[in-house]
Amino acid sequence: SDVDEDGKPVAPHIHLVIGLNESLNTSTIGNIIGVPQQYV
């Protein structure tokens, strides 16, 4: 139900928050659920 600055609908998307027990690089984190690292 998000809209942009012009009031137009934004494409449906998810916000996912993750806590890890050790540091991992963004590429590895993205691979956990299958998304490119630029979205991490």
PDB file of all heavy atoms in Angstrom:
ATOM      1  N   SER A   1       0.819  -1.219   0.000  1.00  0.00           N
ATOM      2  CA  SER A   1       0.000   0.000   0.000  1.00  0.00           C
ATOM      3  C   SER A   1       0.850   1.265   0.000  1.00  0.00           C
ATOM      4  O   SER A   1       0.350   2.353   0.312  1.00  0.00           O
ATOM      5  CB  SER A   1      -0.938   0.006   1.220  1.00  0.00           C
ATOM      6  OG  SER A   1      -1.799  -1.106   1.202  1.00  0.00           O
ATOM      7  N   ASP A   2       2.143   1.146  -0.330  1.00  0.00           N
ATOM      8  CA  ASP A   2       3.026   2.312  -0.359  1.00  0.00           C
ATOM      9  C   ASP A   2       2.785   3.142  -1.616  1.00  0.00           C
ATOM     10  O   ASP A   2       2.374   2.615  -2.658  1.00  0.00           O
ATOM     11  CB  ASP A   2       4.489   1.877  -0.311  1.00  0.00           C
ATOM     12  CG  ASP A   2       4.878   1.300   1.043  1.00  0.00           C
ATOM     13  OD1 ASP A   2       4.013   1.233   1.923  1.00  0.00           O
ATOM     14  OD2 ASP A   2       6.051   0.912   1.204  1.00  0.00           O
ATOM     15  N   VAL A   3       3.052   4.442  -1.498  1.00  0.00           N
ATOM     16  CA  VAL A   3       2.974   5.343  -2.656  1.00  0.00           C
ATOM     17  C   VAL A   3       4.253   6.153  -2.718  1.00  0.00           C
ATOM     18  O   VAL A   3       4.944   6.338  -1.707  1.00  0.00           O
ATOM     19  CB  VAL A   3       1.755   6.283  -2.572  1.00  0.00           C
ATOM     20  CG1 VAL A   3       0.442   5.492  -2.644  1.00  0.00           C
ATOM     21  CG2 VAL A   3       1.806   7.124  -1.291  1.00  0.00           C
ATOM     22  N   ASP A   4       4.595   6.653  -3.928  1.00  0.00           N
ATOM     23  CA  ASP A   4       5.796   7.463  -4.068  1.00  0.00           C
ATOM     24  C   ASP A   4       5.493   8.921  -3.766  1.00  0.00           C
ATOM     25  O   ASP A   4       4.381   9.262  -3.313  1.00  0.00           O
ATOM     26  CB  ASP A   4       6.409   7.281  -5.463  1.00  0.00           C
ATOM     27  CG  ASP A   4       5.472   7.738  -6.581  1.00  0.00           C
ATOM     28  OD1 ASP A   4       4.515   8.507  -6.296  1.00  0.00           O
ATOM     29  OD2 ASP A   4       5.701   7.341  -7.745  1.00  0.00           O
ATOM     30  N   GLU A   5       6.478   9.806  -4.005  1.00  0.00           N
ATOM     31  CA  GLU A   5       6.321  11.228  -3.680  1.00  0.00           C
ATOM     32  C   GLU A   5       5.199  11.886  -4.461  1.00  0.00           C
ATOM     33  O   GLU A   5       4.641  12.903  -4.043  1.00  0.00           O
ATOM     34  CB  GLU A   5       7.638  11.963  -3.944  1.00  0.00           C
ATOM     35  CG  GLU A   5       8.768  11.543  -3.012  1.00  0.00           C
ATOM     36  CD  GLU A   5      10.063  12.267  -3.321  1.00  0.00           C
ATOM     37  OE1 GLU A   5      10.099  12.985  -4.349  1.00  0.00           O
ATOM     38  OE2 GLU A   5      11.025  12.114  -2.559  1.00  0.00           O
ATOM     39  N   ASP A   6       4.861  11.304  -5.608  1.00  0.00           N
ATOM     40  CA  ASP A   6       3.777  11.856  -6.426  1.00  0.00           C
ATOM     41  C   ASP A   6       2.431  11.216  -6.114  1.00  0.00           C
ATOM     42  O   ASP A   6       1.430  11.496  -6.790  1.00  0.00           O
ATOM     43  CB  ASP A   6       4.099  11.666  -7.914  1.00  0.00           C
ATOM     44  CG  ASP A   6       5.368  12.398  -8.319  1.00  0.00           C
ATOM     45  OD1 ASP A   6       5.584  13.515  -7.796  1.00  0.00           O
ATOM     46  OD2 ASP A   6       6.148  11.858  -9.134  1.00  0.00           O
ATOM     47  N   GLY A   7       2.411  10.333  -5.141  1.00  0.00           N
ATOM     48  CA  GLY A   7       1.167   9.679  -4.769  1.00  0.00           C
ATOM     49  C   GLY A   7       0.814   8.470  -5.603  1.00  0.00           C
ATOM     50  O   GLY A   7      -0.282   7.911  -5.468  1.00  0.00           O
ATOM     51  N   LYS A   8       1.755   8.028  -6.434  1.00  0.00           N
ATOM     52  CA  LYS A   8       1.501   6.862  -7.286  1.00  0.00           C
ATOM     53  C   LYS A   8       1.867   5.582  -6.539  1.00  0.00           C
ATOM     54  O   LYS A   8       2.831   5.560  -5.768  1.00  0.00           O
ATOM     55  CB  LYS A   8       2.311   6.970  -8.573  1.00  0.00           C
ATOM     56  CG  LYS A   8       1.915   8.167  -9.438  1.00  0.00           C
ATOM     57  CD  LYS A   8       2.773   8.238 -10.692  1.00  0.00           C
ATOM     58  CE  LYS A   8       2.373   9.438 -11.552  1.00  0.00           C
ATOM     59  NZ  LYS A   8       3.217   9.546 -12.773  1.00  0.00           N
ATOM     60  N   PRO A   9       1.119   4.485  -6.768  1.00  0.00           N
ATOM     61  CA  PRO A   9       1.401   3.226  -6.060  1.00  0.00           C
ATOM     62  C   PRO A   9       2.805   2.708  -6.362  1.00  0.00           C
ATOM     63  O   PRO A   9       3.298   2.798  -7.486  1.00  0.00           O
ATOM     64  CB  PRO A   9       0.333   2.270  -6.604  1.00  0.00           C
ATOM     65  CG  PRO A   9      -0.754   3.164  -7.093  1.00  0.00           C
ATOM     66  CD  PRO A   9      -0.066   4.388  -7.633  1.00  0.00           C
ATOM     67  N   VAL A  10       3.461   2.186  -5.317  1.00  0.00           N
ATOM     68  CA  VAL A  10       4.765   1.560  -5.449  1.00  0.00           C
ATOM     69  C   VAL A  10       4.546   0.056  -5.600  1.00  0.00           C
ATOM     70  O   VAL A  10       3.646  -0.518  -4.974  1.00  0.00           O
ATOM     71  CB  VAL A  10       5.631   1.852  -4.204  1.00  0.00           C
ATOM     72  CG1 VAL A  10       6.931   1.071  -4.253  1.00  0.00           C
ATOM     73  CG2 VAL A  10       5.903   3.347  -4.089  1.00  0.00           C
ATOM     74  N   ALA A  11       5.358  -0.569  -6.442  1.00  0.00           N
ATOM     75  CA  ALA A  11       5.218  -2.011  -6.658  1.00  0.00           C
ATOM     76  C   ALA A  11       5.315  -2.750  -5.331  1.00  0.00           C
ATOM     77  O   ALA A  11       6.154  -2.421  -4.486  1.00  0.00           O
ATOM     78  CB  ALA A  11       6.297  -2.498  -7.621  1.00  0.00           C
ATOM     79  N   PRO A  12       4.452  -3.752  -5.110  1.00  0.00           N
ATOM     80  CA  PRO A  12       4.513  -4.529  -3.861  1.00  0.00           C
ATOM     81  C   PRO A  12       5.915  -5.101  -3.633  1.00  0.00           C
ATOM     82  O   PRO A  12       6.547  -5.621  -4.546  1.00  0.00           O
ATOM     83  CB  PRO A  12       3.479  -5.633  -4.089  1.00  0.00           C
ATOM     84  CG  PRO A  12       2.514  -5.044  -5.075  1.00  0.00           C
ATOM     85  CD  PRO A  12       3.366  -4.208  -5.996  1.00  0.00           C
ATOM     86  N   HIS A  13       6.388  -5.015  -2.401  1.00  0.00           N
ATOM     87  CA  HIS A  13       7.734  -5.459  -2.064  1.00  0.00           C
ATOM     88  C   HIS A  13       7.754  -5.925  -0.612  1.00  0.00           C
ATOM     89  O   HIS A  13       6.805  -5.686   0.142  1.00  0.00           O
ATOM     90  CB  HIS A  13       8.746  -4.321  -2.268  1.00  0.00           C
ATOM     91  CG  HIS A  13       8.393  -3.075  -1.504  1.00  0.00           C
ATOM     92  ND1 HIS A  13       7.440  -2.178  -1.946  1.00  0.00           N
ATOM     93  CD2 HIS A  13       8.846  -2.586  -0.325  1.00  0.00           C
ATOM     94  CE1 HIS A  13       7.321  -1.181  -1.073  1.00  0.00           C
ATOM     95  NE2 HIS A  13       8.168  -1.414  -0.073  1.00  0.00           N
ATOM     96  N   ILE A  14       8.830  -6.597  -0.235  1.00  0.00           N
ATOM     97  CA  ILE A  14       8.964  -7.012   1.158  1.00  0.00           C
ATOM     98  C   ILE A  14      10.111  -6.263   1.822  1.00  0.00           C
ATOM     99  O   ILE A  14      11.070  -5.850   1.160  1.00  0.00           O
ATOM    100  CB  ILE A  14       9.200  -8.529   1.318  1.00  0.00           C
ATOM    101  CG1 ILE A  14      10.577  -8.932   0.771  1.00  0.00           C
ATOM    102  CG2 ILE A  14       8.068  -9.331   0.734  1.00  0.00           C
ATOM    103  CD1 ILE A  14      11.035 -10.291   1.274  1.00  0.00           C
ATOM    104  N   HIS A  15       9.960  -6.084   3.126  1.00  0.00           N
ATOM    105  CA  HIS A  15      11.052  -5.625   3.981  1.00  0.00           C
ATOM    106  C   HIS A  15      11.381  -6.780   4.911  1.00  0.00           C
ATOM    107  O   HIS A  15      10.528  -7.229   5.686  1.00  0.00           O
ATOM    108  CB  HIS A  15      10.638  -4.398   4.791  1.00  0.00           C
ATOM    109  CG  HIS A  15      10.581  -3.133   3.997  1.00  0.00           C
ATOM    110  ND1 HIS A  15      11.608  -2.230   3.959  1.00  0.00           N
ATOM    111  CD2 HIS A  15       9.606  -2.641   3.187  1.00  0.00           C
ATOM    112  CE1 HIS A  15      11.274  -1.209   3.182  1.00  0.00           C
ATOM    113  NE2 HIS A  15      10.054  -1.443   2.691  1.00  0.00           N
ATOM    114  N   LEU A  16      12.585  -7.281   4.814  1.00  0.00           N
ATOM    115  CA  LEU A  16      13.023  -8.428   5.600  1.00  0.00           C
ATOM    116  C   LEU A  16      14.200  -8.011   6.479  1.00  0.00           C
ATOM    117  O   LEU A  16      15.184  -7.466   5.990  1.00  0.00           O
ATOM    118  CB  LEU A  16      13.441  -9.570   4.670  1.00  0.00           C
ATOM    119  CG  LEU A  16      14.181 -10.767   5.294  1.00  0.00           C
ATOM    120  CD1 LEU A  16      13.301 -11.484   6.315  1.00  0.00           C
ATOM    121  CD2 LEU A  16      14.637 -11.729   4.193  1.00  0.00           C
ATOM    122  N   VAL A  17      14.085  -8.254   7.769  1.00  0.00           N
ATOM    123  CA  VAL A  17      15.141  -7.938   8.736  1.00  0.00           C
ATOM    124  C   VAL A  17      15.739  -9.252   9.225  1.00  0.00           C
ATOM    125  O   VAL A  17      15.008 -10.169   9.629  1.00  0.00           O
ATOM    126  CB  VAL A  17      14.583  -7.140   9.923  1.00  0.00           C
ATOM    127  CG1 VAL A  17      15.693  -6.844  10.936  1.00  0.00           C
ATOM    128  CG2 VAL A  17      13.942  -5.840   9.448  1.00  0.00           C
ATOM    129  N   ILE A  18      17.070  -9.344   9.180  1.00  0.00           N
ATOM    130  CA  ILE A  18      17.752 -10.582   9.559  1.00  0.00           C
ATOM    131  C   ILE A  18      18.827 -10.289  10.603  1.00  0.00           C
ATOM    132  O   ILE A  18      19.597  -9.327  10.471  1.00  0.00           O
ATOM    133  CB  ILE A  18      18.409 -11.250   8.329  1.00  0.00           C
ATOM    134  CG1 ILE A  18      17.366 -11.573   7.261  1.00  0.00           C
ATOM    135  CG2 ILE A  18      19.149 -12.522   8.737  1.00  0.00           C
ATOM    136  CD1 ILE A  18      17.963 -12.141   5.971  1.00  0.00           C
ATOM    137  N   GLY A  19      18.901 -11.130  11.628  1.00  0.00           N
ATOM    138  CA  GLY A  19      19.977 -11.100  12.603  1.00  0.00           C
ATOM    139  C   GLY A  19      20.756 -12.400  12.520  1.00  0.00           C
ATOM    140  O   GLY A  19      20.168 -13.482  12.551  1.00  0.00           O
ATOM    141  N   LEU A  20      22.084 -12.310  12.389  1.00  0.00           N
ATOM    142  CA  LEU A  20      22.937 -13.494  12.211  1.00  0.00           C
ATOM    143  C   LEU A  20      23.762 -13.756  13.471  1.00  0.00           C
ATOM    144  O   LEU A  20      24.011 -12.836  14.270  1.00  0.00           O
ATOM    145  CB  LEU A  20      23.872 -13.282  11.016  1.00  0.00           C
ATOM    146  CG  LEU A  20      23.192 -12.960   9.679  1.00  0.00           C
ATOM    147  CD1 LEU A  20      24.227 -12.492   8.656  1.00  0.00           C
ATOM    148  CD2 LEU A  20      22.445 -14.172   9.151  1.00  0.00           C
ATOM    149  N   ASN A  21      24.213 -14.983  13.620  1.00  0.00           N
ATOM    150  CA  ASN A  21      25.062 -15.307  14.769  1.00  0.00           C
ATOM    151  C   ASN A  21      26.538 -15.049  14.502  1.00  0.00           C
ATOM    152  O   ASN A  21      27.381 -15.192  15.381  1.00  0.00           O
ATOM    153  CB  ASN A  21      24.838 -16.748  15.222  1.00  0.00           C
ATOM    154  CG  ASN A  21      25.026 -17.766  14.108  1.00  0.00           C
ATOM    155  OD1 ASN A  21      25.742 -17.501  13.120  1.00  0.00           O
ATOM    156  ND2 ASN A  21      24.383 -18.923  14.240  1.00  0.00           N
ATOM    157  N   GLU A  22      26.870 -14.711  13.253  1.00  0.00           N
ATOM    158  CA  GLU A  22      28.220 -14.269  12.893  1.00  0.00           C
ATOM    159  C   GLU A  22      28.127 -13.449  11.615  1.00  0.00           C
ATOM    160  O   GLU A  22      27.135 -13.518  10.889  1.00  0.00           O
ATOM    161  CB  GLU A  22      29.162 -15.457  12.701  1.00  0.00           C
ATOM    162  CG  GLU A  22      28.826 -16.358  11.533  1.00  0.00           C
ATOM    163  CD  GLU A  22      29.833 -17.491  11.369  1.00  0.00           C
ATOM    164  OE1 GLU A  22      30.619 -17.721  12.301  1.00  0.00           O
ATOM    165  OE2 GLU A  22      29.833 -18.121  10.309  1.00  0.00           O
ATOM    166  N   SER A  23      29.153 -12.667  11.343  1.00  0.00           N
ATOM    167  CA  SER A  23      29.131 -11.807  10.164  1.00  0.00           C
ATOM    168  C   SER A  23      29.260 -12.630   8.883  1.00  0.00           C
ATOM    169  O   SER A  23      30.098 -13.530   8.792  1.00  0.00           O
ATOM    170  CB  SER A  23      30.269 -10.780  10.236  1.00  0.00           C
ATOM    171  OG  SER A  23      30.084  -9.907  11.322  1.00  0.00           O
ATOM    172  N   LEU A  24      28.438 -12.264   7.905  1.00  0.00           N
ATOM    173  CA  LEU A  24      28.521 -12.842   6.563  1.00  0.00           C
ATOM    174  C   LEU A  24      28.545 -11.701   5.567  1.00  0.00           C
ATOM    175  O   LEU A  24      28.011 -10.610   5.830  1.00  0.00           O
ATOM    176  CB  LEU A  24      27.309 -13.744   6.285  1.00  0.00           C
ATOM    177  CG  LEU A  24      27.109 -14.969   7.185  1.00  0.00           C
ATOM    178  CD1 LEU A  24      25.832 -15.694   6.785  1.00  0.00           C
ATOM    179  CD2 LEU A  24      28.306 -15.911   7.108  1.00  0.00           C
ATOM    180  N   ASN A  25      29.156 -11.939   4.386  1.00  0.00           N
ATOM    181  CA  ASN A  25      29.165 -10.882   3.387  1.00  0.00           C
ATOM    182  C   ASN A  25      27.805 -10.802   2.697  1.00  0.00           C
ATOM    183  O   ASN A  25      27.001 -11.749   2.726  1.00  0.00           O
ATOM    184  CB  ASN A  25      30.307 -11.069   2.386  1.00  0.00           C
ATOM    185  CG  ASN A  25      30.204 -12.365   1.611  1.00  0.00           C
ATOM    186  OD1 ASN A  25      29.181 -12.658   0.997  1.00  0.00           O
ATOM    187  ND2 ASN A  25      31.285 -13.148   1.627  1.00  0.00           N
ATOM    188  N   THR A  26      27.551  -9.660   2.100  1.00  0.00           N
ATOM    189  CA  THR A  26      26.228  -9.405   1.525  1.00  0.00           C
ATOM    190  C   THR A  26      25.877 -10.385   0.409  1.00  0.00           C
ATOM    191  O   THR A  26      24.704 -10.716   0.211  1.00  0.00           O
ATOM    192  CB  THR A  26      26.147  -7.964   1.003  1.00  0.00           C
ATOM    193  OG1 THR A  26      27.269  -7.689   0.149  1.00  0.00           O
ATOM    194  CG2 THR A  26      26.147  -6.968   2.147  1.00  0.00           C
ATOM    195  N   SER A  27      26.879 -10.850  -0.311  1.00  0.00           N
ATOM    196  CA  SER A  27      26.618 -11.827  -1.368  1.00  0.00           C
ATOM    197  C   SER A  27      26.089 -13.127  -0.782  1.00  0.00           C
ATOM    198  O   SER A  27      25.105 -13.711  -1.267  1.00  0.00           O
ATOM    199  CB  SER A  27      27.894 -12.081  -2.176  1.00  0.00           C
ATOM    200  OG  SER A  27      27.667 -13.052  -3.172  1.00  0.00           O
ATOM    201  N   THR A  28      26.729 -13.584   0.297  1.00  0.00           N
ATOM    202  CA  THR A  28      26.299 -14.821   0.949  1.00  0.00           C
ATOM    203  C   THR A  28      24.900 -14.664   1.545  1.00  0.00           C
ATOM    204  O   THR A  28      24.059 -15.572   1.449  1.00  0.00           O
ATOM    205  CB  THR A  28      27.293 -15.212   2.056  1.00  0.00           C
ATOM    206  OG1 THR A  28      28.587 -15.399   1.484  1.00  0.00           O
ATOM    207  CG2 THR A  28      26.860 -16.486   2.754  1.00  0.00           C
ATOM    208  N   ILE A  29      24.633 -13.500   2.147  1.00  0.00           N
ATOM    209  CA  ILE A  29      23.319 -13.259   2.748  1.00  0.00           C
ATOM    210  C   ILE A  29      22.238 -13.282   1.666  1.00  0.00           C
ATOM    211  O   ILE A  29      21.166 -13.865   1.851  1.00  0.00           O
ATOM    212  CB  ILE A  29      23.314 -11.921   3.509  1.00  0.00           C
ATOM    213  CG1 ILE A  29      24.278 -11.971   4.701  1.00  0.00           C
ATOM    214  CG2 ILE A  29      21.898 -11.599   4.005  1.00  0.00           C
ATOM    215  CD1 ILE A  29      24.490 -10.632   5.385  1.00  0.00           C
ATOM    216  N   GLY A  30      22.518 -12.618   0.538  1.00  0.00           N
ATOM    217  CA  GLY A  30      21.552 -12.617  -0.553  1.00  0.00           C
ATOM    218  C   GLY A  30      21.245 -14.013  -1.046  1.00  0.00           C
ATOM    219  O   GLY A  30      20.095 -14.342  -1.375  1.00  0.00           O
ATOM    220  N   ASN A  31      22.268 -14.865  -1.085  1.00  0.00           N
ATOM    221  CA  ASN A  31      22.083 -16.239  -1.571  1.00  0.00           C
ATOM    222  C   ASN A  31      21.203 -17.079  -0.648  1.00  0.00           C
ATOM    223  O   ASN A  31      20.641 -18.087  -1.080  1.00  0.00           O
ATOM    224  CB  ASN A  31      23.437 -16.921  -1.740  1.00  0.00           C
ATOM    225  CG  ASN A  31      24.206 -16.376  -2.937  1.00  0.00           C
ATOM    226  OD1 ASN A  31      23.598 -15.843  -3.884  1.00  0.00           O
ATOM    227  ND2 ASN A  31      25.521 -16.484  -2.891  1.00  0.00           N
ATOM    228  N   ILE A  32      21.089 -16.637   0.629  1.00  0.00           N
ATOM    229  CA  ILE A  32      20.269 -17.407   1.571  1.00  0.00           C
ATOM    230  C   ILE A  32      18.837 -17.521   1.057  1.00  0.00           C
ATOM    231  O   ILE A  32      18.218 -18.593   1.115  1.00  0.00           O
ATOM    232  CB  ILE A  32      20.299 -16.770   2.976  1.00  0.00           C
ATOM    233  CG1 ILE A  32      21.698 -16.878   3.582  1.00  0.00           C
ATOM    234  CG2 ILE A  32      19.268 -17.427   3.897  1.00  0.00           C
ATOM    235  CD1 ILE A  32      21.833 -16.167   4.923  1.00  0.00           C
ATOM    236  N   ILE A  33      18.292 -16.393   0.550  1.00  0.00           N
ATOM    237  CA  ILE A  33      16.900 -16.436   0.073  1.00  0.00           C
ATOM    238  C   ILE A  33      16.815 -16.272  -1.443  1.00  0.00           C
ATOM    239  O   ILE A  33      15.707 -16.253  -1.986  1.00  0.00           O
ATOM    240  CB  ILE A  33      16.041 -15.359   0.770  1.00  0.00           C
ATOM    241  CG1 ILE A  33      16.515 -13.945   0.398  1.00  0.00           C
ATOM    242  CG2 ILE A  33      16.037 -15.549   2.267  1.00  0.00           C
ATOM    243  CD1 ILE A  33      15.512 -12.883   0.795  1.00  0.00           C
ATOM    244  N   GLY A  34      17.985 -16.105  -2.081  1.00  0.00           N
ATOM    245  CA  GLY A  34      17.975 -16.047  -3.530  1.00  0.00           C
ATOM    246  C   GLY A  34      17.705 -14.676  -4.109  1.00  0.00           C
ATOM    247  O   GLY A  34      16.925 -14.536  -5.059  1.00  0.00           O
ATOM    248  N   VAL A  35      18.340 -13.640  -3.565  1.00  0.00           N
ATOM    249  CA  VAL A  35      18.237 -12.296  -4.139  1.00  0.00           C
ATOM    250  C   VAL A  35      19.653 -11.772  -4.377  1.00  0.00           C
ATOM    251  O   VAL A  35      20.592 -12.144  -3.655  1.00  0.00           O
ATOM    252  CB  VAL A  35      17.462 -11.320  -3.226  1.00  0.00           C
ATOM    253  CG1 VAL A  35      16.042 -11.813  -2.988  1.00  0.00           C
ATOM    254  CG2 VAL A  35      18.183 -11.100  -1.912  1.00  0.00           C
ATOM    255  N   PRO A  36      19.853 -10.898  -5.380  1.00  0.00           N
ATOM    256  CA  PRO A  36      21.172 -10.319  -5.630  1.00  0.00           C
ATOM    257  C   PRO A  36      21.660  -9.505  -4.427  1.00  0.00           C
ATOM    258  O   PRO A  36      20.862  -8.950  -3.672  1.00  0.00           O
ATOM    259  CB  PRO A  36      20.947  -9.425  -6.848  1.00  0.00           C
ATOM    260  CG  PRO A  36      19.733  -9.986  -7.509  1.00  0.00           C
ATOM    261  CD  PRO A  36      18.863 -10.478  -6.395  1.00  0.00           C
ATOM    262  N   GLN A  37      22.975  -9.408  -4.277  1.00  0.00           N
ATOM    263  CA  GLN A  37      23.543  -8.750  -3.101  1.00  0.00           C
ATOM    264  C   GLN A  37      23.204  -7.274  -3.021  1.00  0.00           C
ATOM    265  O   GLN A  37      23.197  -6.693  -1.931  1.00  0.00           O
ATOM    266  CB  GLN A  37      25.061  -8.923  -3.070  1.00  0.00           C
ATOM    267  CG  GLN A  37      25.815  -8.075  -4.091  1.00  0.00           C
ATOM    268  CD  GLN A  37      27.317  -8.126  -3.876  1.00  0.00           C
ATOM    269  OE1 GLN A  37      27.965  -9.014  -4.408  1.00  0.00           O
ATOM    270  NE2 GLN A  37      27.842  -7.202  -3.114  1.00  0.00           N
ATOM    271  N   GLN A  38      22.887  -6.625  -4.148  1.00  0.00           N
ATOM    272  CA  GLN A  38      22.587  -5.194  -4.097  1.00  0.00           C
ATOM    273  C   GLN A  38      21.296  -4.886  -3.333  1.00  0.00           C
ATOM    274  O   GLN A  38      21.027  -3.731  -2.988  1.00  0.00           O
ATOM    275  CB  GLN A  38      22.521  -4.575  -5.492  1.00  0.00           C
ATOM    276  CG  GLN A  38      21.437  -5.123  -6.408  1.00  0.00           C
ATOM    277  CD  GLN A  38      21.988  -6.178  -7.345  1.00  0.00           C
ATOM    278  OE1 GLN A  38      22.890  -6.939  -6.966  1.00  0.00           O
ATOM    279  NE2 GLN A  38      21.478  -6.206  -8.569  1.00  0.00           N
ATOM    280  N   TYR A  39      20.489  -5.908  -3.075  1.00  0.00           N
ATOM    281  CA  TYR A  39      19.264  -5.685  -2.311  1.00  0.00           C
ATOM    282  C   TYR A  39      19.463  -5.953  -0.818  1.00  0.00           C
ATOM    283  O   TYR A  39      18.519  -5.850  -0.039  1.00  0.00           O
ATOM    284  CB  TYR A  39      18.139  -6.561  -2.868  1.00  0.00           C
ATOM    285  CG  TYR A  39      17.808  -6.220  -4.300  1.00  0.00           C
ATOM    286  CD1 TYR A  39      18.191  -7.065  -5.349  1.00  0.00           C
ATOM    287  CD2 TYR A  39      17.142  -5.041  -4.616  1.00  0.00           C
ATOM    288  CE1 TYR A  39      17.910  -6.743  -6.665  1.00  0.00           C
ATOM    289  CE2 TYR A  39      16.856  -4.706  -5.934  1.00  0.00           C
ATOM    290  CZ  TYR A  39      17.254  -5.561  -6.953  1.00  0.00           C
ATOM    291  OH  TYR A  39      16.978  -5.226  -8.256  1.00  0.00           O
ATOM    292  N   VAL A  40      20.696  -6.322  -0.454  1.00  0.00           N
ATOM    293  CA  VAL A  40      21.048  -6.530   0.950  1.00  0.00           C
ATOM    294  C   VAL A  40      21.791  -5.284   1.438  1.00  0.00           C
ATOM    295  O   VAL A  40      22.775  -4.870   0.826  1.00  0.00           O
ATOM    296  CB  VAL A  40      21.944  -7.769   1.131  1.00  0.00           C
ATOM    297  CG1 VAL A  40      22.267  -7.984   2.611  1.00  0.00           C
ATOM    298  CG2 VAL A  40      21.275  -9.010   0.534  1.00  0.00           C
TER     299      VAL A  40
END
